[in-house]
Amino acid sequence: MRGNVLIGRYCSIGRRVTIGAGAHDVDHLTTSPRIMGSTSHTYTSDERTRVYQRSDRGEYTIIESDVWIGDGAVIMQGIRIALGSVIGANAVVVRDTEPYEIVAGVAARSIGTRFDQETVSKLIASQWWEFPPNVINTFPMQNIFEFIKSFSQQSPHHEPFPTWRVSQ
């Protein structure tokens, strides 16, 4: 993990994963961080059109709850991996994901969603990830529709439990 990283609950993170991967300035004379040079002015608007323009991302790399990140994946700095997303092994994620989206490849692209939009909306509304494991484990897990029905009928009592912030 590099930089400011926030990780939600119930995430699965594979081996050799990089979260918050940095980027070198490619609009300078060299990409080497060892060559600093003297102070110079910022690019004018005309000059800016003639060099590569990296879109600056947010300060935090955010991994929301219930995310699965496969072995060897790289999440670039400032990316938000949305609730329930799946990141394929060795993917390089250069854009934010949507809730319950599955992405894979270099650069990662969408290959589908875990559930249909109606089911995703119900899962988001339930906020099930805000409950501790001892509460969640009392519900059926193998059938998402059975879980949603049971969870909404029982409306479990919310018991706060710690959320960890990871920052370097």
N, C-alpha and C. Protein backbone atom coordinates (compact mmCIF):
# COMPACT_ATOMS: atom_id res chain seq x y z
N MET A 1 0.84 -1.18 0.00
CA MET A 1 0.00 0.00 0.00
C MET A 1 0.88 1.24 0.00
N ARG A 2 0.51 2.18 -0.85
CA ARG A 2 1.28 3.41 -0.95
C ARG A 2 0.34 4.59 -0.76
N GLY A 3 0.79 5.58 -0.03
CA GLY A 3 0.00 6.79 0.16
C GLY A 3 -1.17 6.57 1.09
N ASN A 4 -2.19 7.35 0.91
CA ASN A 4 -3.38 7.30 1.76
C ASN A 4 -4.36 6.27 1.19
N VAL A 5 -4.55 5.19 1.92
CA VAL A 5 -5.42 4.10 1.48
C VAL A 5 -6.48 3.85 2.55
N LEU A 6 -7.74 3.75 2.13
CA LEU A 6 -8.84 3.40 3.02
C LEU A 6 -9.41 2.07 2.53
N ILE A 7 -9.58 1.12 3.45
CA ILE A 7 -10.11 -0.19 3.09
C ILE A 7 -11.32 -0.49 3.95
N GLY A 8 -12.42 -0.87 3.30
CA GLY A 8 -13.67 -1.16 3.99
C GLY A 8 -13.66 -2.55 4.61
N ARG A 9 -14.82 -3.00 5.01
CA ARG A 9 -14.99 -4.28 5.69
C ARG A 9 -15.21 -5.42 4.70
N TYR A 10 -14.89 -6.62 5.16
CA TYR A 10 -15.16 -7.87 4.43
C TYR A 10 -14.51 -7.89 3.05
N CYS A 11 -13.31 -7.39 2.94
CA CYS A 11 -12.58 -7.41 1.68
C CYS A 11 -11.65 -8.63 1.63
N SER A 12 -11.43 -9.13 0.43
CA SER A 12 -10.47 -10.21 0.20
C SER A 12 -9.41 -9.67 -0.74
N ILE A 13 -8.16 -9.71 -0.29
CA ILE A 13 -7.07 -9.14 -1.07
C ILE A 13 -6.03 -10.23 -1.30
N GLY A 14 -5.75 -10.51 -2.57
CA GLY A 14 -4.81 -11.56 -2.95
C GLY A 14 -3.36 -11.19 -2.66
N ARG A 15 -2.49 -12.08 -3.05
CA ARG A 15 -1.05 -11.88 -2.87
C ARG A 15 -0.50 -10.93 -3.93
N ARG A 16 0.61 -10.28 -3.60
CA ARG A 16 1.33 -9.40 -4.51
C ARG A 16 0.46 -8.29 -5.11
N VAL A 17 -0.46 -7.76 -4.32
CA VAL A 17 -1.35 -6.68 -4.76
C VAL A 17 -0.71 -5.35 -4.39
N THR A 18 -0.80 -4.38 -5.30
CA THR A 18 -0.33 -3.03 -5.04
C THR A 18 -1.55 -2.11 -5.03
N ILE A 19 -1.72 -1.39 -3.93
CA ILE A 19 -2.84 -0.46 -3.80
C ILE A 19 -2.28 0.94 -3.63
N GLY A 20 -2.69 1.84 -4.51
CA GLY A 20 -2.20 3.22 -4.46
C GLY A 20 -0.90 3.39 -5.19
N ALA A 21 -0.74 2.64 -6.29
CA ALA A 21 0.51 2.72 -7.06
C ALA A 21 0.73 4.14 -7.55
N GLY A 22 1.93 4.60 -7.40
CA GLY A 22 2.27 5.96 -7.80
C GLY A 22 2.48 6.08 -9.29
N ALA A 23 2.60 7.28 -9.73
CA ALA A 23 2.85 7.55 -11.15
C ALA A 23 3.96 8.59 -11.25
N HIS A 24 4.82 8.39 -12.22
CA HIS A 24 5.90 9.36 -12.47
C HIS A 24 5.36 10.48 -13.35
N ASP A 25 5.95 11.66 -13.21
CA ASP A 25 5.61 12.77 -14.09
C ASP A 25 6.18 12.47 -15.47
N VAL A 26 5.31 12.38 -16.46
CA VAL A 26 5.78 12.09 -17.82
C VAL A 26 5.83 13.34 -18.69
N ASP A 27 5.51 14.49 -18.11
CA ASP A 27 5.55 15.73 -18.88
C ASP A 27 6.80 16.56 -18.57
N HIS A 28 7.74 15.97 -17.81
CA HIS A 28 9.02 16.64 -17.52
C HIS A 28 10.09 16.12 -18.48
N LEU A 29 11.29 16.66 -18.37
CA LEU A 29 12.39 16.21 -19.22
C LEU A 29 12.61 14.71 -19.09
N THR A 30 12.60 14.21 -17.85
CA THR A 30 12.83 12.79 -17.60
C THR A 30 11.81 12.27 -16.60
N THR A 31 11.58 10.99 -16.65
CA THR A 31 10.67 10.38 -15.67
C THR A 31 11.42 9.96 -14.41
N SER A 32 12.73 10.08 -14.41
CA SER A 32 13.53 9.70 -13.26
C SER A 32 13.32 10.67 -12.11
N PRO A 33 13.03 10.14 -10.91
CA PRO A 33 12.86 11.02 -9.76
C PRO A 33 14.19 11.55 -9.23
N ARG A 34 15.31 11.03 -9.73
CA ARG A 34 16.63 11.47 -9.27
C ARG A 34 17.08 12.76 -9.93
N ILE A 35 16.48 13.14 -11.03
CA ILE A 35 16.84 14.37 -11.73
C ILE A 35 15.76 15.40 -11.44
N MET A 36 16.11 16.40 -10.63
CA MET A 36 15.11 17.39 -10.20
C MET A 36 15.18 18.69 -10.99
N GLY A 37 16.37 19.11 -11.36
CA GLY A 37 16.51 20.35 -12.10
C GLY A 37 16.26 21.57 -11.23
N SER A 38 16.35 22.72 -11.85
CA SER A 38 16.09 23.96 -11.13
C SER A 38 14.60 24.30 -11.23
N THR A 39 14.18 25.29 -10.50
CA THR A 39 12.79 25.70 -10.49
C THR A 39 12.41 26.27 -11.86
N SER A 40 11.20 25.94 -12.31
CA SER A 40 10.73 26.48 -13.59
C SER A 40 9.27 26.87 -13.46
N HIS A 41 8.79 27.61 -14.44
CA HIS A 41 7.38 28.03 -14.41
C HIS A 41 6.48 26.85 -14.80
N THR A 42 5.23 26.93 -14.40
CA THR A 42 4.28 25.89 -14.82
C THR A 42 3.96 26.10 -16.30
N TYR A 43 3.50 25.05 -16.94
CA TYR A 43 3.17 25.15 -18.36
C TYR A 43 2.06 26.17 -18.61
N THR A 44 2.21 26.92 -19.70
CA THR A 44 1.13 27.80 -20.12
C THR A 44 0.03 26.92 -20.73
N SER A 45 -1.12 27.48 -20.98
CA SER A 45 -2.21 26.70 -21.58
C SER A 45 -1.81 26.19 -22.96
N ASP A 46 -1.08 26.97 -23.73
CA ASP A 46 -0.61 26.51 -25.04
C ASP A 46 0.40 25.36 -24.89
N GLU A 47 1.34 25.53 -23.96
CA GLU A 47 2.33 24.46 -23.74
C GLU A 47 1.67 23.19 -23.24
N ARG A 48 0.67 23.33 -22.39
CA ARG A 48 -0.02 22.18 -21.81
C ARG A 48 -0.66 21.32 -22.89
N THR A 49 -1.10 21.90 -23.99
CA THR A 49 -1.72 21.13 -25.08
C THR A 49 -0.71 20.28 -25.83
N ARG A 50 0.58 20.56 -25.62
CA ARG A 50 1.63 19.86 -26.37
C ARG A 50 2.32 18.75 -25.58
N VAL A 51 1.92 18.55 -24.32
CA VAL A 51 2.52 17.49 -23.49
C VAL A 51 1.40 16.62 -22.92
N TYR A 52 1.75 15.42 -22.52
CA TYR A 52 0.78 14.49 -21.94
C TYR A 52 0.18 15.09 -20.67
N GLN A 53 -1.12 14.99 -20.53
CA GLN A 53 -1.80 15.53 -19.35
C GLN A 53 -2.40 14.40 -18.55
N ARG A 54 -1.77 14.09 -17.46
CA ARG A 54 -2.28 13.06 -16.55
C ARG A 54 -3.44 13.65 -15.75
N SER A 55 -4.53 12.91 -15.67
CA SER A 55 -5.63 13.41 -14.85
C SER A 55 -5.27 13.16 -13.39
N ASP A 56 -5.27 14.22 -12.61
CA ASP A 56 -4.95 14.08 -11.20
C ASP A 56 -6.11 13.44 -10.48
N ARG A 57 -5.81 12.40 -9.72
CA ARG A 57 -6.82 11.66 -8.97
C ARG A 57 -6.93 12.26 -7.57
N GLY A 58 -7.86 11.73 -6.81
CA GLY A 58 -8.05 12.19 -5.44
C GLY A 58 -6.87 11.84 -4.56
N GLU A 59 -6.87 12.37 -3.37
CA GLU A 59 -5.79 12.16 -2.41
C GLU A 59 -5.79 10.73 -1.86
N TYR A 60 -6.98 10.11 -1.79
CA TYR A 60 -7.10 8.78 -1.19
C TYR A 60 -7.40 7.72 -2.24
N THR A 61 -6.83 6.55 -2.04
CA THR A 61 -7.23 5.37 -2.79
C THR A 61 -8.21 4.65 -1.87
N ILE A 62 -9.41 4.39 -2.37
CA ILE A 62 -10.47 3.86 -1.51
C ILE A 62 -10.93 2.50 -2.02
N ILE A 63 -10.87 1.53 -1.12
CA ILE A 63 -11.40 0.20 -1.38
C ILE A 63 -12.62 0.07 -0.47
N GLU A 64 -13.81 0.12 -1.06
CA GLU A 64 -15.02 0.03 -0.25
C GLU A 64 -15.20 -1.41 0.25
N SER A 65 -16.26 -1.67 0.97
CA SER A 65 -16.51 -2.98 1.59
C SER A 65 -16.85 -4.06 0.56
N ASP A 66 -16.64 -5.32 0.96
CA ASP A 66 -16.99 -6.50 0.17
C ASP A 66 -16.32 -6.53 -1.19
N VAL A 67 -15.08 -6.10 -1.26
CA VAL A 67 -14.32 -6.09 -2.51
C VAL A 67 -13.37 -7.28 -2.53
N TRP A 68 -13.26 -7.90 -3.69
CA TRP A 68 -12.29 -8.99 -3.89
C TRP A 68 -11.27 -8.50 -4.90
N ILE A 69 -10.00 -8.50 -4.49
CA ILE A 69 -8.90 -8.09 -5.37
C ILE A 69 -8.02 -9.31 -5.61
N GLY A 70 -7.94 -9.76 -6.86
CA GLY A 70 -7.19 -10.95 -7.21
C GLY A 70 -5.69 -10.76 -7.13
N ASP A 71 -4.97 -11.87 -7.07
CA ASP A 71 -3.51 -11.88 -6.99
C ASP A 71 -2.88 -10.98 -8.06
N GLY A 72 -1.87 -10.23 -7.66
CA GLY A 72 -1.08 -9.45 -8.60
C GLY A 72 -1.74 -8.20 -9.15
N ALA A 73 -2.92 -7.86 -8.69
CA ALA A 73 -3.60 -6.67 -9.20
C ALA A 73 -2.88 -5.40 -8.76
N VAL A 74 -3.02 -4.37 -9.56
CA VAL A 74 -2.46 -3.06 -9.26
C VAL A 74 -3.59 -2.05 -9.32
N ILE A 75 -3.79 -1.33 -8.23
CA ILE A 75 -4.80 -0.27 -8.15
C ILE A 75 -4.04 1.05 -8.13
N MET A 76 -4.23 1.88 -9.13
CA MET A 76 -3.50 3.13 -9.20
C MET A 76 -3.97 4.10 -8.12
N GLN A 77 -3.12 5.04 -7.79
CA GLN A 77 -3.40 6.02 -6.74
C GLN A 77 -4.64 6.84 -7.07
N GLY A 78 -5.47 7.07 -6.05
CA GLY A 78 -6.64 7.91 -6.19
C GLY A 78 -7.87 7.22 -6.76
N ILE A 79 -7.80 5.93 -6.99
CA ILE A 79 -8.92 5.17 -7.54
C ILE A 79 -9.88 4.78 -6.42
N ARG A 80 -11.17 4.69 -6.75
CA ARG A 80 -12.18 4.22 -5.81
C ARG A 80 -12.73 2.91 -6.34
N ILE A 81 -12.52 1.84 -5.56
CA ILE A 81 -13.08 0.53 -5.90
C ILE A 81 -14.38 0.42 -5.12
N ALA A 82 -15.50 0.39 -5.85
CA ALA A 82 -16.83 0.49 -5.24
C ALA A 82 -17.23 -0.81 -4.54
N LEU A 83 -18.21 -0.67 -3.68
CA LEU A 83 -18.80 -1.75 -2.92
C LEU A 83 -19.03 -2.99 -3.78
N GLY A 84 -18.56 -4.15 -3.28
CA GLY A 84 -18.84 -5.42 -3.93
C GLY A 84 -18.11 -5.69 -5.22
N SER A 85 -17.19 -4.83 -5.63
CA SER A 85 -16.48 -5.03 -6.89
C SER A 85 -15.53 -6.22 -6.81
N VAL A 86 -15.23 -6.77 -7.97
CA VAL A 86 -14.25 -7.84 -8.11
C VAL A 86 -13.19 -7.36 -9.10
N ILE A 87 -11.92 -7.46 -8.68
CA ILE A 87 -10.79 -7.07 -9.52
C ILE A 87 -10.06 -8.36 -9.90
N GLY A 88 -9.99 -8.66 -11.19
CA GLY A 88 -9.36 -9.88 -11.66
C GLY A 88 -7.87 -9.91 -11.36
N ALA A 89 -7.33 -11.12 -11.30
CA ALA A 89 -5.90 -11.31 -11.06
C ALA A 89 -5.10 -10.57 -12.12
N ASN A 90 -4.03 -9.90 -11.69
CA ASN A 90 -3.10 -9.17 -12.54
C ASN A 90 -3.71 -7.99 -13.29
N ALA A 91 -4.89 -7.56 -12.92
CA ALA A 91 -5.52 -6.39 -13.54
C ALA A 91 -4.78 -5.13 -13.11
N VAL A 92 -4.80 -4.12 -13.95
CA VAL A 92 -4.28 -2.81 -13.61
C VAL A 92 -5.46 -1.85 -13.67
N VAL A 93 -5.90 -1.38 -12.50
CA VAL A 93 -7.11 -0.57 -12.42
C VAL A 93 -6.73 0.90 -12.49
N VAL A 94 -7.22 1.57 -13.55
CA VAL A 94 -6.89 2.97 -13.79
C VAL A 94 -8.11 3.87 -13.74
N ARG A 95 -9.28 3.30 -13.41
CA ARG A 95 -10.50 4.10 -13.29
C ARG A 95 -11.34 3.54 -12.15
N ASP A 96 -12.22 4.38 -11.62
CA ASP A 96 -13.13 3.95 -10.55
C ASP A 96 -14.05 2.84 -11.07
N THR A 97 -14.50 1.99 -10.16
CA THR A 97 -15.47 0.95 -10.54
C THR A 97 -16.85 1.33 -10.04
N GLU A 98 -17.85 0.64 -10.55
CA GLU A 98 -19.24 0.79 -10.11
C GLU A 98 -19.53 -0.29 -9.07
N PRO A 99 -20.54 -0.10 -8.22
CA PRO A 99 -20.87 -1.14 -7.24
C PRO A 99 -21.13 -2.50 -7.91
N TYR A 100 -20.51 -3.52 -7.36
CA TYR A 100 -20.65 -4.91 -7.79
C TYR A 100 -20.18 -5.17 -9.23
N GLU A 101 -19.31 -4.30 -9.75
CA GLU A 101 -18.76 -4.48 -11.09
C GLU A 101 -17.57 -5.43 -11.03
N ILE A 102 -17.40 -6.22 -12.08
CA ILE A 102 -16.26 -7.11 -12.22
C ILE A 102 -15.38 -6.54 -13.33
N VAL A 103 -14.09 -6.27 -12.99
CA VAL A 103 -13.16 -5.75 -13.98
C VAL A 103 -11.93 -6.65 -14.07
N ALA A 104 -11.34 -6.69 -15.24
CA ALA A 104 -10.14 -7.51 -15.45
C ALA A 104 -9.35 -6.94 -16.62
N GLY A 105 -8.07 -7.28 -16.68
CA GLY A 105 -7.24 -6.90 -17.82
C GLY A 105 -6.29 -5.77 -17.52
N VAL A 106 -5.54 -5.40 -18.56
CA VAL A 106 -4.56 -4.32 -18.49
C VAL A 106 -4.81 -3.42 -19.69
N ALA A 107 -5.28 -2.26 -19.51
CA ALA A 107 -5.91 -1.66 -18.34
C ALA A 107 -7.25 -2.35 -18.10
N ALA A 108 -7.63 -2.41 -16.81
CA ALA A 108 -8.84 -3.14 -16.44
C ALA A 108 -10.07 -2.56 -17.15
N ARG A 109 -10.91 -3.47 -17.62
CA ARG A 109 -12.17 -3.07 -18.25
C ARG A 109 -13.29 -3.92 -17.65
N SER A 110 -14.50 -3.44 -17.76
CA SER A 110 -15.64 -4.14 -17.20
C SER A 110 -15.91 -5.42 -17.99
N ILE A 111 -16.09 -6.52 -17.26
CA ILE A 111 -16.49 -7.76 -17.91
C ILE A 111 -17.85 -8.24 -17.41
N GLY A 112 -18.50 -7.43 -16.59
CA GLY A 112 -19.83 -7.77 -16.11
C GLY A 112 -20.10 -7.24 -14.73
N THR A 113 -21.23 -7.65 -14.19
CA THR A 113 -21.60 -7.29 -12.82
C THR A 113 -21.96 -8.56 -12.07
N ARG A 114 -21.81 -8.52 -10.77
CA ARG A 114 -22.12 -9.69 -9.96
C ARG A 114 -23.62 -9.97 -9.92
N PHE A 115 -24.43 -8.92 -9.93
CA PHE A 115 -25.88 -9.05 -9.82
C PHE A 115 -26.56 -8.03 -10.72
N ASP A 116 -27.86 -8.24 -10.97
CA ASP A 116 -28.62 -7.26 -11.75
C ASP A 116 -28.81 -5.99 -10.93
N GLN A 117 -29.23 -4.90 -11.60
CA GLN A 117 -29.31 -3.59 -10.94
C GLN A 117 -30.31 -3.57 -9.78
N GLU A 118 -31.43 -4.26 -9.90
CA GLU A 118 -32.41 -4.30 -8.81
C GLU A 118 -31.80 -4.93 -7.56
N THR A 119 -31.07 -6.02 -7.74
CA THR A 119 -30.43 -6.71 -6.62
C THR A 119 -29.34 -5.83 -6.00
N VAL A 120 -28.56 -5.18 -6.85
CA VAL A 120 -27.52 -4.27 -6.36
C VAL A 120 -28.14 -3.16 -5.52
N SER A 121 -29.23 -2.58 -5.99
CA SER A 121 -29.90 -1.51 -5.24
C SER A 121 -30.36 -1.99 -3.86
N LYS A 122 -30.89 -3.20 -3.80
CA LYS A 122 -31.35 -3.75 -2.52
C LYS A 122 -30.17 -4.02 -1.59
N LEU A 123 -29.07 -4.51 -2.13
CA LEU A 123 -27.89 -4.76 -1.30
C LEU A 123 -27.33 -3.45 -0.75
N ILE A 124 -27.26 -2.44 -1.59
CA ILE A 124 -26.76 -1.13 -1.14
C ILE A 124 -27.68 -0.57 -0.05
N ALA A 125 -28.98 -0.68 -0.24
CA ALA A 125 -29.94 -0.18 0.75
C ALA A 125 -29.83 -0.92 2.08
N SER A 126 -29.48 -2.21 2.03
CA SER A 126 -29.39 -3.00 3.27
C SER A 126 -28.23 -2.59 4.16
N GLN A 127 -27.16 -2.10 3.57
CA GLN A 127 -25.93 -1.75 4.28
C GLN A 127 -25.46 -2.90 5.17
N TRP A 128 -25.56 -4.12 4.67
CA TRP A 128 -25.22 -5.31 5.44
C TRP A 128 -23.78 -5.30 5.95
N TRP A 129 -22.86 -4.68 5.26
CA TRP A 129 -21.45 -4.66 5.65
C TRP A 129 -21.21 -3.86 6.92
N GLU A 130 -22.20 -3.10 7.37
CA GLU A 130 -22.09 -2.34 8.60
C GLU A 130 -22.33 -3.19 9.85
N PHE A 131 -22.65 -4.46 9.66
CA PHE A 131 -22.94 -5.36 10.77
C PHE A 131 -21.76 -6.27 11.03
N PRO A 132 -21.54 -6.64 12.29
CA PRO A 132 -20.41 -7.53 12.62
C PRO A 132 -20.66 -8.96 12.13
N PRO A 133 -19.60 -9.73 12.00
CA PRO A 133 -19.72 -11.10 11.48
C PRO A 133 -20.72 -11.97 12.24
N ASN A 134 -20.80 -11.82 13.57
CA ASN A 134 -21.72 -12.67 14.32
C ASN A 134 -23.18 -12.42 13.95
N VAL A 135 -23.50 -11.24 13.45
CA VAL A 135 -24.86 -10.95 12.98
C VAL A 135 -25.03 -11.44 11.54
N ILE A 136 -24.09 -11.09 10.68
CA ILE A 136 -24.17 -11.49 9.26
C ILE A 136 -24.23 -13.00 9.12
N ASN A 137 -23.48 -13.72 9.93
CA ASN A 137 -23.41 -15.18 9.82
C ASN A 137 -24.70 -15.89 10.22
N THR A 138 -25.68 -15.17 10.72
CA THR A 138 -26.96 -15.80 11.06
C THR A 138 -27.90 -15.84 9.86
N PHE A 139 -27.50 -15.25 8.73
CA PHE A 139 -28.35 -15.18 7.54
C PHE A 139 -27.86 -16.17 6.48
N PRO A 140 -28.77 -16.60 5.58
CA PRO A 140 -28.36 -17.48 4.48
C PRO A 140 -27.46 -16.72 3.52
N MET A 141 -26.37 -17.35 3.08
CA MET A 141 -25.38 -16.66 2.26
C MET A 141 -25.29 -17.19 0.82
N GLN A 142 -25.68 -18.40 0.57
CA GLN A 142 -25.47 -18.99 -0.75
C GLN A 142 -26.49 -18.52 -1.79
N ASN A 143 -27.62 -17.97 -1.37
CA ASN A 143 -28.64 -17.48 -2.30
C ASN A 143 -28.88 -16.01 -1.97
N ILE A 144 -28.44 -15.13 -2.86
CA ILE A 144 -28.49 -13.69 -2.61
C ILE A 144 -29.93 -13.21 -2.40
N PHE A 145 -30.90 -13.80 -3.10
CA PHE A 145 -32.30 -13.38 -2.99
C PHE A 145 -32.87 -13.80 -1.63
N GLU A 146 -32.48 -14.97 -1.16
CA GLU A 146 -32.90 -15.43 0.16
C GLU A 146 -32.29 -14.54 1.25
N PHE A 147 -31.02 -14.17 1.05
CA PHE A 147 -30.37 -13.27 2.01
C PHE A 147 -31.11 -11.94 2.09
N ILE A 148 -31.37 -11.32 0.95
CA ILE A 148 -32.03 -10.01 0.93
C ILE A 148 -33.40 -10.09 1.60
N LYS A 149 -34.16 -11.10 1.29
CA LYS A 149 -35.49 -11.26 1.88
C LYS A 149 -35.40 -11.44 3.39
N SER A 150 -34.54 -12.33 3.84
CA SER A 150 -34.39 -12.61 5.26
C SER A 150 -33.86 -11.40 6.01
N PHE A 151 -32.87 -10.74 5.46
CA PHE A 151 -32.26 -9.57 6.10
C PHE A 151 -33.27 -8.45 6.23
N SER A 152 -34.05 -8.21 5.18
CA SER A 152 -35.02 -7.11 5.22
C SER A 152 -36.18 -7.42 6.18
N GLN A 153 -36.54 -8.68 6.31
CA GLN A 153 -37.62 -9.06 7.22
C GLN A 153 -37.20 -8.95 8.68
N GLN A 154 -35.97 -9.32 8.96
CA GLN A 154 -35.51 -9.33 10.36
C GLN A 154 -35.00 -7.98 10.83
N SER A 155 -34.58 -7.12 9.91
CA SER A 155 -34.04 -5.81 10.28
C SER A 155 -33.17 -5.91 11.53
N PRO A 156 -32.01 -6.53 11.43
CA PRO A 156 -31.17 -6.73 12.62
C PRO A 156 -30.75 -5.42 13.26
N HIS A 157 -30.52 -5.52 14.56
CA HIS A 157 -30.03 -4.37 15.33
C HIS A 157 -28.60 -4.06 14.91
N HIS A 158 -28.34 -2.81 14.63
CA HIS A 158 -26.99 -2.40 14.22
C HIS A 158 -26.09 -2.26 15.44
N GLU A 159 -25.03 -3.05 15.47
CA GLU A 159 -24.03 -2.96 16.54
C GLU A 159 -22.76 -2.39 15.95
N PRO A 160 -22.36 -1.21 16.41
CA PRO A 160 -21.14 -0.64 15.85
C PRO A 160 -19.92 -1.52 16.16
N PHE A 161 -19.03 -1.62 15.21
CA PHE A 161 -17.75 -2.29 15.45
C PHE A 161 -16.68 -1.56 14.66
N PRO A 162 -15.42 -1.75 15.03
CA PRO A 162 -14.36 -0.90 14.48
C PRO A 162 -14.21 -1.00 12.97
N THR A 163 -13.93 0.14 12.37
CA THR A 163 -13.51 0.23 10.98
C THR A 163 -12.06 0.69 11.02
N TRP A 164 -11.24 0.05 10.25
CA TRP A 164 -9.81 0.37 10.27
C TRP A 164 -9.46 1.26 9.11
N ARG A 165 -8.66 2.26 9.38
CA ARG A 165 -8.13 3.15 8.35
C ARG A 165 -6.67 2.78 8.17
N VAL A 166 -6.29 2.51 6.97
CA VAL A 166 -4.91 2.17 6.68
C VAL A 166 -4.30 3.35 5.94
N SER A 167 -3.22 3.87 6.47
CA SER A 167 -2.56 5.01 5.84
C SER A 167 -1.06 4.89 6.07
N GLN A 168 -0.31 5.28 5.08
CA GLN A 168 1.15 5.25 5.23
C GLN A 168 1.73 6.61 5.00
